[in-house]
């Protein structure tokens, strides 16, 4: 994953409380708390560089004294984290989530100050080790095998400039781009590192890739019309088999990923025989059940993805790029309208039941 970090283990400790004052019944101040605060333009890499020890400790509460019987609370420690963070404990259990700028999560609570209840002795703050697990948030996630042309497509439809080279595993870290429309509407697109067969079992970049798909609203599968072969040691896959394999990998990792709305971009339409291959693929996609008996059982998913649109494109000539941008926007608008309609129905149902 090169310089990209999507998981960081940190130590957090709430501040110790202040001493109480037994003679006058004074209470020590409570220890400060450690908070994770979601901020835009923040990365886990920047946290690691700024705090190499990866330790975050809040301030100690002030002691009670004759002048101030109630000690002041210790200083809170705020850690700015990127959007799309899941907070996991050491056992891998999710204890918090930060998806929008300004959201806060209490990572470690400060200890109580000394008081009559504690024999005027202060309590130590909460301490634990937590994992910050990043899942990219984007409207659309590009899904495809290496060399399908995802990076080239992202650079054509958005303002992103990913580094592109002609070999497998070109993209070694997720790239985020924004499609800009004439009316200033913006749609974020994430190009995620190429899958390989067995990714669900953590082969290749496995889970590092697949976890980022979870946070996208829609999927855009990018498939090479001429098929795909990772190396001379692996089997050649046709475009139809590639689509099934991609679906199978998503399904085995997390079944609900296959329920996301999906579009299909058929890339490299500038190649010879592309038109014939496309005709054959469209026939297979219209009636996939008629062709499944010809394939090995292990590559057939339980549920075959139904695509809202199939768009032939060429990142080399620019063919179909504008149509693809239009389809992405239309599909997202329809999904948003559907969500709004479901929300309105729920509200109406609640009003009716309350009456």
Protein backbone atom coordinates (compact mmCIF):
# COMPACT_ATOMS: atom_id res chain seq x y z
CA UNK A 1 0.00 0.00 0.00
CA UNK A 2 3.06 2.22 -0.28
CA UNK A 3 2.68 5.39 1.82
CA UNK A 4 -1.06 5.00 2.25
CA UNK A 5 -2.10 4.01 5.78
CA UNK A 6 -5.60 2.77 6.52
CA UNK A 7 -5.05 1.23 9.96
CA UNK A 8 -3.31 2.78 12.96
CA UNK A 9 -2.90 1.38 16.49
CA UNK A 10 -2.77 4.06 19.20
CA UNK A 11 -2.62 4.21 23.01
CA UNK A 12 -5.07 6.54 24.79
CA UNK A 13 -5.22 7.46 28.48
CA UNK A 14 -7.60 9.74 30.35
CA UNK A 15 -6.06 12.13 32.87
CA UNK A 16 -5.77 11.25 36.56
CA UNK A 17 -8.09 13.20 38.90
CA UNK A 18 -6.80 15.82 41.35
CA UNK A 19 -6.31 15.27 45.09
CA UNK A 20 -9.17 16.10 47.44
CA UNK A 21 -8.80 18.33 50.55
CA UNK A 22 -9.89 16.25 53.60
CA UNK A 23 -9.91 19.10 56.18
CA UNK A 24 -12.53 21.17 54.33
CA UNK A 25 -14.19 18.41 52.24
CA UNK A 26 -12.73 19.78 49.02
CA UNK A 27 -12.98 17.81 45.73
CA UNK A 28 -10.14 17.39 43.26
CA UNK A 29 -10.79 18.16 39.59
CA UNK A 30 -11.68 15.34 37.22
CA UNK A 31 -8.99 14.18 34.79
CA UNK A 32 -9.21 15.32 31.16
CA UNK A 33 -10.74 13.11 28.44
CA UNK A 34 -9.23 11.91 25.15
CA UNK A 35 -11.48 12.64 22.14
CA UNK A 36 -11.22 11.60 18.49
CA UNK A 37 -12.61 14.40 16.30
CA UNK A 38 -13.32 13.89 12.58
CA UNK A 39 -11.67 16.52 10.38
CA UNK A 40 -11.43 16.90 6.62
CA UNK A 41 -7.96 16.93 5.01
CA UNK A 42 -6.57 14.74 7.79
CA UNK A 43 -4.86 11.38 7.18
CA UNK A 44 -3.68 8.57 9.41
CA UNK A 45 -0.24 9.08 7.89
CA UNK A 46 -0.15 12.68 9.17
CA UNK A 47 -1.13 11.48 12.68
CA UNK A 48 1.72 8.95 12.66
CA UNK A 49 4.21 11.57 11.47
CA UNK A 50 3.09 14.17 14.02
CA UNK A 51 2.87 11.70 16.94
CA UNK A 52 5.44 8.94 16.28
CA UNK A 53 4.89 7.49 19.78
CA UNK A 54 1.15 7.13 18.97
CA UNK A 55 0.32 7.93 22.62
CA UNK A 56 -2.42 10.38 23.61
CA UNK A 57 -2.72 11.33 27.28
CA UNK A 58 -5.14 13.93 28.71
CA UNK A 59 -4.27 16.42 31.47
CA UNK A 60 -4.40 15.76 35.22
CA UNK A 61 -7.19 17.37 37.25
CA UNK A 62 -6.19 20.21 39.63
CA UNK A 63 -5.83 19.45 43.34
CA UNK A 64 -8.33 20.91 45.79
CA UNK A 65 -6.89 23.60 48.08
CA UNK A 66 -7.96 26.32 50.51
CA UNK A 67 -8.42 28.88 47.71
CA UNK A 68 -10.25 26.49 45.35
CA UNK A 69 -12.10 23.70 47.13
CA UNK A 70 -13.37 22.39 43.77
CA UNK A 71 -10.32 21.64 41.61
CA UNK A 72 -10.43 22.42 37.88
CA UNK A 73 -10.91 19.64 35.33
CA UNK A 74 -7.77 18.46 33.53
CA UNK A 75 -7.18 19.54 29.92
CA UNK A 76 -8.88 17.37 27.28
CA UNK A 77 -6.75 15.84 24.53
CA UNK A 78 -8.28 16.12 21.03
CA UNK A 79 -6.96 13.93 18.22
CA UNK A 80 -8.01 14.95 14.69
CA UNK A 81 -8.79 11.89 12.57
CA UNK A 82 -9.98 11.52 8.96
CA UNK A 83 -13.61 10.94 7.97
CA UNK A 84 -14.61 7.30 7.57
CA UNK A 85 -12.88 6.03 10.71
CA UNK A 86 -14.08 2.98 12.65
CA UNK A 87 -12.69 2.76 16.19
CA UNK A 88 -11.97 -0.84 17.24
CA UNK A 89 -10.82 -2.20 20.58
CA UNK A 90 -7.93 -4.68 20.87
CA UNK A 91 -10.35 -7.58 20.30
CA UNK A 92 -11.47 -6.15 16.96
CA UNK A 93 -14.90 -5.08 18.28
CA UNK A 94 -16.17 -1.79 16.86
CA UNK A 95 -16.75 0.76 19.63
CA UNK A 96 -17.24 3.92 17.57
CA UNK A 97 -17.53 5.45 14.12
CA UNK A 98 -16.78 8.92 12.69
CA UNK A 99 -18.23 9.69 9.26
CA UNK A 100 -18.93 13.45 9.17
CA UNK A 101 -16.68 16.44 9.90
CA UNK A 102 -17.01 17.55 13.54
CA UNK A 103 -18.22 14.18 14.87
CA UNK A 104 -16.55 13.23 18.18
CA UNK A 105 -15.85 9.97 19.95
CA UNK A 106 -14.81 9.67 23.61
CA UNK A 107 -11.76 7.38 23.43
CA UNK A 108 -10.70 7.50 27.12
CA UNK A 109 -12.54 9.07 30.07
CA UNK A 110 -10.64 10.99 32.75
CA UNK A 111 -10.52 9.70 36.33
CA UNK A 112 -12.61 11.20 39.17
CA UNK A 113 -11.02 13.70 41.52
CA UNK A 114 -10.50 12.88 45.18
CA UNK A 115 -13.66 13.37 47.29
CA UNK A 116 -15.35 12.03 50.40
CA UNK A 117 -16.55 9.01 48.37
CA UNK A 118 -12.97 8.09 47.41
CA UNK A 119 -11.38 8.99 50.76
CA UNK A 120 -10.12 12.14 49.00
CA UNK A 121 -7.78 10.06 46.83
CA UNK A 122 -7.95 10.63 43.04
CA UNK A 123 -8.81 7.93 40.48
CA UNK A 124 -6.74 7.09 37.42
CA UNK A 125 -8.15 7.74 33.96
CA UNK A 126 -9.32 5.06 31.53
CA UNK A 127 -6.48 3.59 29.47
CA UNK A 128 -6.58 1.33 26.43
CA UNK A 129 -5.14 0.57 23.01
CA UNK A 130 -7.46 1.16 20.06
CA UNK A 131 -7.27 0.68 16.28
CA UNK A 132 -8.26 3.48 13.91
CA UNK A 133 -9.57 1.67 10.84
CA UNK A 134 -10.14 3.85 7.76
CA UNK A 135 -12.73 3.04 5.12
CA UNK A 136 -12.87 5.56 2.29
CA UNK A 137 -16.18 7.35 1.88
CA UNK A 138 -17.08 7.96 -1.77
CA UNK A 139 -20.22 8.13 -3.89
CA UNK A 140 -18.87 5.60 -6.39
CA UNK A 141 -16.24 2.87 -5.99
CA UNK A 142 -14.40 1.58 -9.06
CA UNK A 143 -14.10 -2.22 -8.93
CA UNK A 144 -12.01 -4.24 -11.36
CA UNK A 145 -9.05 -6.54 -11.86
CA UNK A 146 -5.56 -5.08 -12.44
CA UNK A 147 -5.06 -3.39 -15.83
CA UNK A 148 -8.81 -3.02 -16.46
CA UNK A 149 -8.13 0.72 -16.90
CA UNK A 150 -9.62 2.05 -13.65
CA UNK A 151 -6.89 4.64 -13.06
CA UNK A 152 -7.09 5.86 -16.68
CA UNK A 153 -10.87 6.07 -16.38
CA UNK A 154 -10.65 8.04 -13.13
CA UNK A 155 -8.25 10.55 -14.73
CA UNK A 156 -10.67 10.93 -17.70
CA UNK A 157 -13.86 11.49 -15.71
CA UNK A 158 -12.43 13.49 -12.79
CA UNK A 159 -9.68 15.88 -11.76
CA UNK A 160 -7.61 13.12 -10.14
CA UNK A 161 -4.18 12.39 -11.58
CA UNK A 162 -3.24 8.87 -10.45
CA UNK A 163 0.13 7.49 -11.53
CA UNK A 164 -0.44 4.96 -14.30
CA UNK A 165 1.92 2.34 -15.70
CA UNK A 166 1.42 -0.70 -17.91
CA UNK A 167 1.74 -3.62 -15.52
CA UNK A 168 -0.46 -5.49 -13.06
CA UNK A 169 -1.14 -3.80 -9.70
CA UNK A 170 -0.62 -0.36 -11.17
CA UNK A 171 -2.61 1.31 -8.43
CA UNK A 172 -0.94 0.64 -5.12
CA UNK A 173 -3.05 3.00 -3.05
CA UNK A 174 -6.65 4.22 -3.21
CA UNK A 175 -7.18 7.38 -5.25
CA UNK A 176 -10.07 9.76 -4.74
CA UNK A 177 -11.31 11.94 -7.59
CA UNK A 178 -14.25 14.31 -8.05
CA UNK A 179 -16.43 14.49 -11.15
CA UNK A 180 -17.39 18.14 -11.70
CA UNK A 181 -20.61 18.91 -13.61
CA UNK A 182 -21.60 22.11 -15.41
CA UNK A 183 -24.08 23.04 -12.64
CA UNK A 184 -21.29 22.67 -10.00
CA UNK A 185 -22.56 19.32 -8.75
CA UNK A 186 -19.66 17.17 -7.50
CA UNK A 187 -19.52 13.37 -7.24
CA UNK A 188 -16.63 11.62 -5.50
CA UNK A 189 -15.15 8.50 -7.10
CA UNK A 190 -12.67 6.12 -5.43
CA UNK A 191 -10.31 4.05 -7.54
CA UNK A 192 -9.38 1.12 -5.32
CA UNK A 193 -6.38 -1.18 -5.83
CA UNK A 194 -6.96 -4.08 -8.24
CA UNK A 195 -8.59 -7.22 -6.99
CA UNK A 196 -7.31 -10.68 -7.81
CA UNK A 197 -9.01 -14.06 -7.53
CA UNK A 198 -9.01 -15.04 -3.85
CA UNK A 199 -9.10 -11.45 -2.55
CA UNK A 200 -11.92 -12.38 -0.13
CA UNK A 201 -9.44 -14.79 1.50
CA UNK A 202 -6.99 -11.87 1.83
CA UNK A 203 -4.83 -12.82 -1.17
CA UNK A 204 -3.06 -9.92 -2.86
CA UNK A 205 -4.43 -6.78 -1.22
CA UNK A 206 -7.53 -8.72 -0.18
CA UNK A 207 -9.28 -7.14 2.77
CA UNK A 208 -7.32 -3.89 2.40
CA UNK A 209 -9.13 -3.39 -0.90
CA UNK A 210 -12.52 -4.83 -0.07
CA UNK A 211 -13.14 -2.89 3.16
CA UNK A 212 -13.04 0.38 1.19
CA UNK A 213 -15.91 -0.82 -1.03
CA UNK A 214 -18.19 -0.95 2.04
CA UNK A 215 -18.50 2.84 2.38
CA UNK A 216 -19.32 3.63 -1.28
CA UNK A 217 -22.93 4.30 -2.25
CA UNK A 218 -22.64 2.59 -5.63
CA UNK A 219 -20.28 0.30 -7.51
CA UNK A 220 -18.84 0.90 -10.97
CA UNK A 221 -17.36 -2.31 -12.32
CA UNK A 222 -14.66 -1.71 -14.92
CA UNK A 223 -13.98 -4.65 -17.24
CA UNK A 224 -11.56 -5.08 -20.15
CA UNK A 225 -13.61 -6.15 -23.19
CA UNK A 226 -10.79 -8.44 -24.35
CA UNK A 227 -10.75 -10.36 -21.05
CA UNK A 228 -8.16 -10.64 -18.28
CA UNK A 229 -5.14 -12.75 -17.37
CA UNK A 230 -3.00 -11.82 -14.36
CA UNK A 231 0.05 -13.81 -15.51
CA UNK A 232 1.00 -16.75 -17.73
CA UNK A 233 0.53 -19.02 -14.70
CA UNK A 234 -3.11 -18.00 -14.20
CA UNK A 235 -6.15 -18.80 -16.31
CA UNK A 236 -7.43 -16.40 -18.98
CA UNK A 237 -10.90 -15.01 -18.17
CA UNK A 238 -13.36 -13.57 -20.69
CA UNK A 239 -15.17 -10.31 -19.92
CA UNK A 240 -18.26 -12.27 -18.81
CA UNK A 241 -16.20 -14.52 -16.51
CA UNK A 242 -14.43 -11.43 -15.13
CA UNK A 243 -17.78 -9.88 -14.14
CA UNK A 244 -18.82 -13.11 -12.39
CA UNK A 245 -15.48 -13.37 -10.59
CA UNK A 246 -15.63 -9.78 -9.36
CA UNK A 247 -19.17 -10.39 -8.09
CA UNK A 248 -18.06 -13.62 -6.40
CA UNK A 249 -15.17 -11.87 -4.59
CA UNK A 250 -17.48 -9.10 -3.32
CA UNK A 251 -20.11 -11.64 -2.26
CA UNK A 252 -17.67 -13.89 -0.36
CA UNK A 253 -16.21 -10.92 1.51
CA UNK A 254 -19.55 -9.39 2.51
CA UNK A 255 -22.84 -10.47 0.97
CA UNK A 256 -24.53 -7.06 1.23
CA UNK A 257 -21.95 -5.50 -1.13
CA UNK A 258 -23.74 -7.23 -4.03
CA UNK A 259 -27.00 -5.46 -3.10
CA UNK A 260 -25.46 -2.02 -3.82
CA UNK A 261 -26.63 -0.33 -7.04
CA UNK A 262 -24.08 -1.07 -9.77
CA UNK A 263 -23.03 0.24 -13.18
CA UNK A 264 -20.80 -1.54 -15.68
CA UNK A 265 -18.15 0.19 -17.81
CA UNK A 266 -16.81 -1.97 -20.64
CA UNK A 267 -13.36 -0.52 -21.31
CA UNK A 268 -10.86 -0.68 -24.22
CA UNK A 269 -13.52 -0.42 -26.96
CA UNK A 270 -10.78 0.91 -29.28
CA UNK A 271 -9.22 -2.59 -29.53
CA UNK A 272 -9.76 -4.80 -32.62
CA UNK A 273 -12.72 -7.22 -32.32
CA UNK A 274 -14.11 -5.13 -29.42
CA UNK A 275 -17.51 -4.69 -31.15
CA UNK A 276 -17.91 -8.47 -31.68
CA UNK A 277 -16.85 -9.17 -28.10
CA UNK A 278 -19.34 -6.57 -26.84
CA UNK A 279 -22.24 -8.16 -28.79
CA UNK A 280 -21.36 -11.55 -27.28
CA UNK A 281 -21.09 -10.07 -23.76
CA UNK A 282 -24.44 -8.27 -24.02
CA UNK A 283 -26.11 -11.56 -25.03
CA UNK A 284 -24.51 -13.27 -22.02
CA UNK A 285 -25.59 -10.47 -19.64
CA UNK A 286 -29.21 -10.54 -20.90
CA UNK A 287 -29.56 -14.26 -20.11
CA UNK A 288 -26.66 -15.20 -17.80
CA UNK A 289 -28.32 -18.45 -16.64
CA UNK A 290 -28.01 -19.89 -20.17
CA UNK A 291 -24.20 -19.68 -20.02
CA UNK A 292 -23.43 -20.62 -16.41
CA UNK A 293 -23.26 -24.38 -17.19
CA UNK A 294 -20.17 -23.71 -19.34
CA UNK A 295 -18.17 -22.31 -16.39
CA UNK A 296 -16.49 -23.81 -13.30
CA UNK A 297 -18.78 -23.87 -10.31
CA UNK A 298 -16.34 -22.01 -8.01
CA UNK A 299 -16.50 -18.78 -10.03
CA UNK A 300 -20.31 -18.59 -10.14
CA UNK A 301 -21.77 -16.20 -7.52
CA UNK A 302 -25.00 -16.99 -5.68
CA UNK A 303 -26.51 -13.71 -6.91
CA UNK A 304 -25.58 -12.21 -10.25
CA UNK A 305 -25.26 -8.41 -10.22
CA UNK A 306 -27.96 -6.54 -12.09
CA UNK A 307 -26.50 -3.42 -13.69
CA UNK A 308 -28.50 -0.22 -13.94
CA UNK A 309 -26.55 0.69 -17.08
CA UNK A 310 -23.89 -0.93 -19.27
CA UNK A 311 -21.67 1.70 -20.90
CA UNK A 312 -18.99 0.84 -23.50
CA UNK A 313 -16.03 3.25 -23.13
CA UNK A 314 -12.49 3.81 -24.32
CA UNK A 315 -10.15 5.78 -22.09
CA UNK A 316 -7.76 5.93 -25.08
CA UNK A 317 -10.15 7.65 -27.55
CA UNK A 318 -12.59 9.18 -25.01
CA UNK A 319 -15.54 7.22 -26.43
CA UNK A 320 -18.46 6.93 -23.98
CA UNK A 321 -16.83 9.02 -21.21
CA UNK A 322 -19.48 11.78 -21.21
CA UNK A 323 -22.28 9.20 -21.35
CA UNK A 324 -20.71 7.41 -18.37
CA UNK A 325 -20.58 10.65 -16.34
CA UNK A 326 -24.25 11.26 -17.13
CA UNK A 327 -25.21 7.70 -16.13
CA UNK A 328 -23.30 7.95 -12.82
CA UNK A 329 -25.16 11.14 -11.91
CA UNK A 330 -28.56 9.79 -12.98
CA UNK A 331 -28.05 6.58 -10.97
CA UNK A 332 -27.01 8.48 -7.81
CA UNK A 333 -29.94 10.92 -8.16
CA UNK A 334 -32.36 8.00 -8.48
CA UNK A 335 -30.87 6.33 -5.41
CA UNK A 336 -31.13 9.58 -3.40
CA UNK A 337 -34.76 9.99 -4.44
CA UNK A 338 -35.49 6.39 -3.43
CA UNK A 339 -33.90 6.95 0.00
CA UNK A 340 -35.91 10.17 0.46
CA UNK A 341 -39.12 8.40 -0.54
CA UNK A 342 -38.48 5.60 1.99
CA UNK A 343 -37.75 8.23 4.67
CA UNK A 344 -41.00 10.08 3.89
CA UNK A 345 -42.98 6.82 4.07
CA UNK A 346 -41.46 5.97 7.47
CA UNK A 347 -42.27 9.44 8.82
CA UNK A 348 -45.84 9.17 7.54
CA UNK A 349 -46.23 5.72 9.10
CA UNK A 350 -44.94 7.06 12.45
CA UNK A 351 -47.41 9.94 12.34
CA UNK A 352 -50.29 7.59 11.54
CA UNK A 353 -49.39 5.16 14.35
CA UNK A 354 -48.95 7.96 16.88
CA UNK A 355 -52.46 9.26 16.08
